[in-house]
Amino acid sequence: MSVSYEECVDACLECIAACNSCYNACLEEENFKMMVTCIRMDRECADICALAVKAMQTNSPFIYQICQVCAEICEACGNECKKHKAEHCQKCAEACFKCAESCRQMVTN
């Protein structure tokens, strides 16, 4: 199944929103120090997703490389979020895995 730029952009935008929400919610956790890796991964993931969106929207010659890195970072963020029971982390993991899959499909098109 191939994925269009539009579908991949949408997945990236959903991932950015989920990561930003998770980031903010993690900072509100009572023991937020145990969420440090999750918080850092949320930031990295949102940033690379934003770059991927821009690359796709501007038809960058580096779309495939950026989408490949985006998929790797989304996967790593999803795996980190999945470790935590908080609902915001679980929702973020789901969005990250969806985005990773969408970016991987972009790379293989």
C-alpha atoms as a PDB file:
ATOM      1  CA  MET A   1       0.000   0.000   0.000  1.00  0.00           C
ATOM      2  CA  SER A   2       1.476   3.315  -1.012  1.00  0.00           C
ATOM      3  CA  VAL A   3       1.001   6.435   1.009  1.00  0.00           C
ATOM      4  CA  SER A   4       0.613   9.919  -0.428  1.00  0.00           C
ATOM      5  CA  TYR A   5       2.491  12.985   0.748  1.00  0.00           C
ATOM      6  CA  GLU A   6      -0.805  14.273   2.132  1.00  0.00           C
ATOM      7  CA  GLU A   7      -1.375  11.138   4.233  1.00  0.00           C
ATOM      8  CA  CYS A   8       2.185  11.235   5.519  1.00  0.00           C
ATOM      9  CA  VAL A   9       1.933  14.957   6.331  1.00  0.00           C
ATOM     10  CA  ASP A  10      -1.293  14.247   8.243  1.00  0.00           C
ATOM     11  CA  ALA A  11       0.375  11.425  10.200  1.00  0.00           C
ATOM     12  CA  CYS A  12       3.303  13.704  11.019  1.00  0.00           C
ATOM     13  CA  LEU A  13       0.990  16.502  12.164  1.00  0.00           C
ATOM     14  CA  GLU A  14      -0.939  14.074  14.384  1.00  0.00           C
ATOM     15  CA  CYS A  15       2.354  12.847  15.816  1.00  0.00           C
ATOM     16  CA  ILE A  16       3.532  16.406  16.519  1.00  0.00           C
ATOM     17  CA  ALA A  17       0.292  17.126  18.402  1.00  0.00           C
ATOM     18  CA  ALA A  18       0.535  13.872  20.393  1.00  0.00           C
ATOM     19  CA  CYS A  19       4.199  14.465  21.256  1.00  0.00           C
ATOM     20  CA  ASN A  20       3.533  18.044  22.362  1.00  0.00           C
ATOM     21  CA  SER A  21       0.603  16.895  24.491  1.00  0.00           C
ATOM     22  CA  CYS A  22       2.671  14.075  26.013  1.00  0.00           C
ATOM     23  CA  TYR A  23       5.580  16.452  26.635  1.00  0.00           C
ATOM     24  CA  ASN A  24       3.378  18.895  28.527  1.00  0.00           C
ATOM     25  CA  ALA A  25       1.584  16.167  30.479  1.00  0.00           C
ATOM     26  CA  CYS A  26       4.893  14.515  31.448  1.00  0.00           C
ATOM     27  CA  LEU A  27       6.063  17.809  32.911  1.00  0.00           C
ATOM     28  CA  GLU A  28       2.949  17.805  35.106  1.00  0.00           C
ATOM     29  CA  GLU A  29       3.601  14.288  36.434  1.00  0.00           C
ATOM     30  CA  GLU A  30       4.317  14.138  40.159  1.00  0.00           C
ATOM     31  CA  ASN A  31       7.603  12.338  39.577  1.00  0.00           C
ATOM     32  CA  PHE A  32       8.490  13.960  36.268  1.00  0.00           C
ATOM     33  CA  LYS A  33      12.165  13.063  36.707  1.00  0.00           C
ATOM     34  CA  MET A  34      11.322   9.478  35.780  1.00  0.00           C
ATOM     35  CA  MET A  35       9.795  10.874  32.568  1.00  0.00           C
ATOM     36  CA  VAL A  36      12.952  12.688  31.411  1.00  0.00           C
ATOM     37  CA  THR A  37      13.706  10.287  28.549  1.00  0.00           C
ATOM     38  CA  CYS A  38      10.085  10.411  27.418  1.00  0.00           C
ATOM     39  CA  ILE A  39      10.125  14.219  27.501  1.00  0.00           C
ATOM     40  CA  ARG A  40      13.339  14.360  25.462  1.00  0.00           C
ATOM     41  CA  MET A  41      12.038  11.848  22.931  1.00  0.00           C
ATOM     42  CA  ASP A  42       8.789  13.817  22.574  1.00  0.00           C
ATOM     43  CA  ARG A  43      10.796  16.941  21.671  1.00  0.00           C
ATOM     44  CA  GLU A  44      13.038  15.136  19.176  1.00  0.00           C
ATOM     45  CA  CYS A  45      10.091  13.395  17.574  1.00  0.00           C
ATOM     46  CA  ALA A  46       7.986  16.555  17.222  1.00  0.00           C
ATOM     47  CA  ASP A  47      10.966  18.389  15.724  1.00  0.00           C
ATOM     48  CA  ILE A  48      11.786  15.726  13.116  1.00  0.00           C
ATOM     49  CA  CYS A  49       8.107  15.392  12.201  1.00  0.00           C
ATOM     50  CA  ALA A  50       7.949  19.162  11.625  1.00  0.00           C
ATOM     51  CA  LEU A  51      11.021  18.936   9.394  1.00  0.00           C
ATOM     52  CA  ALA A  52       9.472  16.023   7.484  1.00  0.00           C
ATOM     53  CA  VAL A  53       6.267  18.012   6.932  1.00  0.00           C
ATOM     54  CA  LYS A  54       8.268  20.965   5.626  1.00  0.00           C
ATOM     55  CA  ALA A  55      10.350  18.692   3.378  1.00  0.00           C
ATOM     56  CA  MET A  56       7.244  17.141   1.856  1.00  0.00           C
ATOM     57  CA  GLN A  57       5.462  20.477   1.434  1.00  0.00           C
ATOM     58  CA  THR A  58       8.472  22.072  -0.281  1.00  0.00           C
ATOM     59  CA  ASN A  59       9.363  18.983  -2.331  1.00  0.00           C
ATOM     60  CA  SER A  60      12.834  18.856  -0.780  1.00  0.00           C
ATOM     61  CA  PRO A  61      15.412  16.738  -2.592  1.00  0.00           C
ATOM     62  CA  PHE A  62      16.037  15.089   0.803  1.00  0.00           C
ATOM     63  CA  ILE A  63      12.472  13.905   1.462  1.00  0.00           C
ATOM     64  CA  TYR A  64      13.386  10.228   1.543  1.00  0.00           C
ATOM     65  CA  GLN A  65      16.356  10.658   3.870  1.00  0.00           C
ATOM     66  CA  ILE A  66      14.331  12.875   6.214  1.00  0.00           C
ATOM     67  CA  CYS A  67      11.384  10.464   6.207  1.00  0.00           C
ATOM     68  CA  GLN A  68      13.743   7.568   6.966  1.00  0.00           C
ATOM     69  CA  VAL A  69      15.192   9.393   9.991  1.00  0.00           C
ATOM     70  CA  CYS A  70      11.700  10.488  11.002  1.00  0.00           C
ATOM     71  CA  ALA A  71      10.510   6.870  10.982  1.00  0.00           C
ATOM     72  CA  GLU A  72      13.444   5.809  13.173  1.00  0.00           C
ATOM     73  CA  ILE A  73      12.894   8.602  15.701  1.00  0.00           C
ATOM     74  CA  CYS A  74       9.123   8.061  15.787  1.00  0.00           C
ATOM     75  CA  GLU A  75       9.693   4.358  16.435  1.00  0.00           C
ATOM     76  CA  ALA A  76      12.115   5.148  19.272  1.00  0.00           C
ATOM     77  CA  CYS A  77       9.719   7.687  20.801  1.00  0.00           C
ATOM     78  CA  GLY A  78       6.835   5.246  20.538  1.00  0.00           C
ATOM     79  CA  ASN A  79       8.870   2.547  22.258  1.00  0.00           C
ATOM     80  CA  GLU A  80       9.769   4.940  25.096  1.00  0.00           C
ATOM     81  CA  CYS A  81       6.198   6.175  25.538  1.00  0.00           C
ATOM     82  CA  LYS A  82       4.900   2.608  25.499  1.00  0.00           C
ATOM     83  CA  LYS A  83       6.914   1.934  28.699  1.00  0.00           C
ATOM     84  CA  HIS A  84       4.721   4.358  30.677  1.00  0.00           C
ATOM     85  CA  LYS A  85       1.165   3.646  31.801  1.00  0.00           C
ATOM     86  CA  ALA A  86      -0.070   7.238  31.504  1.00  0.00           C
ATOM     87  CA  GLU A  87      -2.820   7.626  28.920  1.00  0.00           C
ATOM     88  CA  HIS A  88      -1.015  10.525  27.241  1.00  0.00           C
ATOM     89  CA  CYS A  89       2.050   8.296  26.757  1.00  0.00           C
ATOM     90  CA  GLN A  90      -0.019   5.468  25.292  1.00  0.00           C
ATOM     91  CA  LYS A  91      -1.763   7.855  22.869  1.00  0.00           C
ATOM     92  CA  CYS A  92       1.598   9.316  21.894  1.00  0.00           C
ATOM     93  CA  ALA A  93       3.056   5.860  21.264  1.00  0.00           C
ATOM     94  CA  GLU A  94       0.140   5.044  18.982  1.00  0.00           C
ATOM     95  CA  ALA A  95       0.606   8.271  16.972  1.00  0.00           C
ATOM     96  CA  CYS A  96       4.373   7.691  16.781  1.00  0.00           C
ATOM     97  CA  PHE A  97       3.990   4.164  15.434  1.00  0.00           C
ATOM     98  CA  LYS A  98       1.410   5.328  12.880  1.00  0.00           C
ATOM     99  CA  CYS A  99       3.742   8.101  11.723  1.00  0.00           C
ATOM    100  CA  ALA A 100       6.741   5.755  11.568  1.00  0.00           C
ATOM    101  CA  GLU A 101       4.773   3.379   9.343  1.00  0.00           C
ATOM    102  CA  SER A 102       3.605   6.211   7.101  1.00  0.00           C
ATOM    103  CA  CYS A 103       7.159   7.558   6.734  1.00  0.00           C
ATOM    104  CA  ARG A 104       8.490   4.067   5.970  1.00  0.00           C
ATOM    105  CA  GLN A 105       5.893   3.728   3.221  1.00  0.00           C
ATOM    106  CA  MET A 106       6.983   7.096   1.801  1.00  0.00           C
ATOM    107  CA  VAL A 107      10.574   5.854   1.635  1.00  0.00           C
ATOM    108  CA  THR A 108       9.611   2.665  -0.187  1.00  0.00           C
ATOM    109  CA  ASN A 109       7.392   4.416  -2.781  1.00  0.00           C
END
